[in-house]
């Protein structure tokens, strides 16, 4: 089992920045990947960014150039630095981990961007 705890959400004005953190604990075996998804009200959950234990990354087109995902393998922590935030980035952000073909989810953290 893998447990994920997110933090760092909040309310920010458009153009501002936030950094989300996700700490993983439990049975984490390499190779693994961790990522951030988001779900806005009335919409489906979508992938925002992903990073592998080998530090490969990928991003949704909507956040490229604004968001940066990074990881600290020693701390089993993944970060999402979000800059130039837009109102359309408002959503609940979920951390996930994929380990040995199983997917685990955090509880989610609310990000609200005011215009």
Protein backbone atom coordinates (compact mmCIF):
# COMPACT_ATOMS: atom_id res chain seq x y z
CA UNK A 1 0.00 0.00 0.00
CA UNK A 2 1.00 3.58 -0.70
CA UNK A 3 -0.33 6.58 1.16
CA UNK A 4 -0.25 10.07 -0.33
CA UNK A 5 -0.69 13.36 1.53
CA UNK A 6 -1.04 16.60 -0.40
CA UNK A 7 -0.59 20.14 0.84
CA UNK A 8 -0.18 23.65 -0.52
CA UNK A 9 -3.53 24.48 -2.06
CA UNK A 10 -5.34 27.73 -1.40
CA UNK A 11 -6.77 30.90 -2.85
CA UNK A 12 -4.64 33.06 -5.12
CA UNK A 13 -5.24 35.90 -7.54
CA UNK A 14 -4.80 35.42 -11.26
CA UNK A 15 -1.15 35.72 -12.20
CA UNK A 16 -0.04 34.43 -8.83
CA UNK A 17 1.79 31.28 -7.83
CA UNK A 18 1.30 28.27 -5.60
CA UNK A 19 3.38 25.19 -4.86
CA UNK A 20 1.73 21.88 -4.13
CA UNK A 21 3.51 19.08 -2.30
CA UNK A 22 2.72 15.38 -2.11
CA UNK A 23 4.48 13.06 0.30
CA UNK A 24 4.32 9.34 -0.38
CA UNK A 25 4.79 6.65 2.23
CA UNK A 26 4.45 2.89 2.30
CA UNK A 27 5.55 0.32 -0.24
CA UNK A 28 7.25 2.40 -2.91
CA UNK A 29 9.31 0.37 -5.34
CA UNK A 30 11.23 1.61 -8.34
CA UNK A 31 10.38 2.22 -11.06
CA UNK A 32 7.39 4.33 -10.17
CA UNK A 33 5.78 7.52 -11.33
CA UNK A 34 3.93 10.26 -9.53
CA UNK A 35 1.73 12.92 -10.90
CA UNK A 36 -0.87 15.58 -10.42
CA UNK A 37 -4.39 15.49 -11.73
CA UNK A 38 -7.10 18.07 -11.33
CA UNK A 39 -10.85 18.04 -11.41
CA UNK A 40 -12.87 21.18 -11.87
CA UNK A 41 -16.52 21.33 -10.90
CA UNK A 42 -18.63 19.48 -13.42
CA UNK A 43 -15.64 18.24 -15.38
CA UNK A 44 -13.68 15.03 -15.62
CA UNK A 45 -10.40 14.52 -13.83
CA UNK A 46 -7.47 15.35 -16.09
CA UNK A 47 -3.74 14.79 -15.96
CA UNK A 48 -1.75 17.94 -15.25
CA UNK A 49 1.82 16.63 -15.01
CA UNK A 50 3.74 13.44 -14.31
CA UNK A 51 7.27 12.55 -13.27
CA UNK A 52 8.95 9.19 -13.16
CA UNK A 53 11.50 7.92 -10.68
CA UNK A 54 13.97 8.47 -13.51
CA UNK A 55 12.94 12.15 -13.62
CA UNK A 56 11.19 12.06 -16.99
CA UNK A 57 8.33 14.52 -17.09
CA UNK A 58 5.28 15.27 -19.18
CA UNK A 59 2.67 18.02 -19.00
CA UNK A 60 -0.77 18.81 -20.22
CA UNK A 61 -0.65 21.36 -23.03
CA UNK A 62 -2.73 23.77 -20.96
CA UNK A 63 -0.02 24.11 -18.30
CA UNK A 64 3.19 23.86 -20.33
CA UNK A 65 5.47 26.79 -19.59
CA UNK A 66 3.56 27.70 -16.43
CA UNK A 67 3.72 24.61 -14.21
CA UNK A 68 6.78 22.60 -13.22
CA UNK A 69 6.75 19.17 -11.64
CA UNK A 70 9.76 18.01 -9.65
CA UNK A 71 10.58 15.25 -7.26
CA UNK A 72 12.79 14.45 -4.33
CA UNK A 73 13.36 10.71 -4.41
CA UNK A 74 15.04 10.70 -1.01
CA UNK A 75 11.92 12.22 0.55
CA UNK A 76 9.41 10.42 -1.70
CA UNK A 77 7.94 13.82 -2.38
CA UNK A 78 6.69 15.39 -5.58
CA UNK A 79 6.06 19.10 -6.07
CA UNK A 80 4.01 21.09 -8.51
CA UNK A 81 5.10 24.67 -8.91
CA UNK A 82 2.28 26.63 -10.49
CA UNK A 83 3.02 30.07 -11.89
CA UNK A 84 0.94 32.54 -13.88
CA UNK A 85 -2.21 30.96 -12.54
CA UNK A 86 -5.46 31.52 -14.37
CA UNK A 87 -9.06 31.25 -13.16
CA UNK A 88 -9.45 28.17 -15.34
CA UNK A 89 -6.81 26.44 -13.19
CA UNK A 90 -9.34 26.38 -10.37
CA UNK A 91 -9.92 22.76 -9.37
CA UNK A 92 -9.26 20.11 -6.79
CA UNK A 93 -5.74 18.85 -7.39
CA UNK A 94 -5.00 15.21 -6.70
CA UNK A 95 -1.64 13.54 -6.34
CA UNK A 96 -1.30 10.03 -7.68
CA UNK A 97 1.36 7.35 -7.60
CA UNK A 98 1.70 4.40 -9.95
CA UNK A 99 3.68 1.56 -8.42
CA UNK A 100 3.82 -1.97 -9.78
CA UNK A 101 0.78 -1.45 -12.01
CA UNK A 102 -1.35 -0.09 -9.17
CA UNK A 103 -2.56 3.48 -8.88
CA UNK A 104 -2.96 5.28 -5.58
CA UNK A 105 -4.62 8.65 -4.90
CA UNK A 106 -4.29 11.39 -2.37
CA UNK A 107 -7.26 13.12 -0.81
CA UNK A 108 -7.01 16.22 -2.97
CA UNK A 109 -6.30 19.88 -2.28
CA UNK A 110 -8.38 22.80 -3.48
CA UNK A 111 -6.80 25.46 -5.67
CA UNK A 112 -8.90 28.53 -6.36
CA UNK A 113 -7.73 31.30 -8.68
CA UNK A 114 -9.70 34.52 -8.53
CA UNK A 115 -9.92 36.91 -11.46
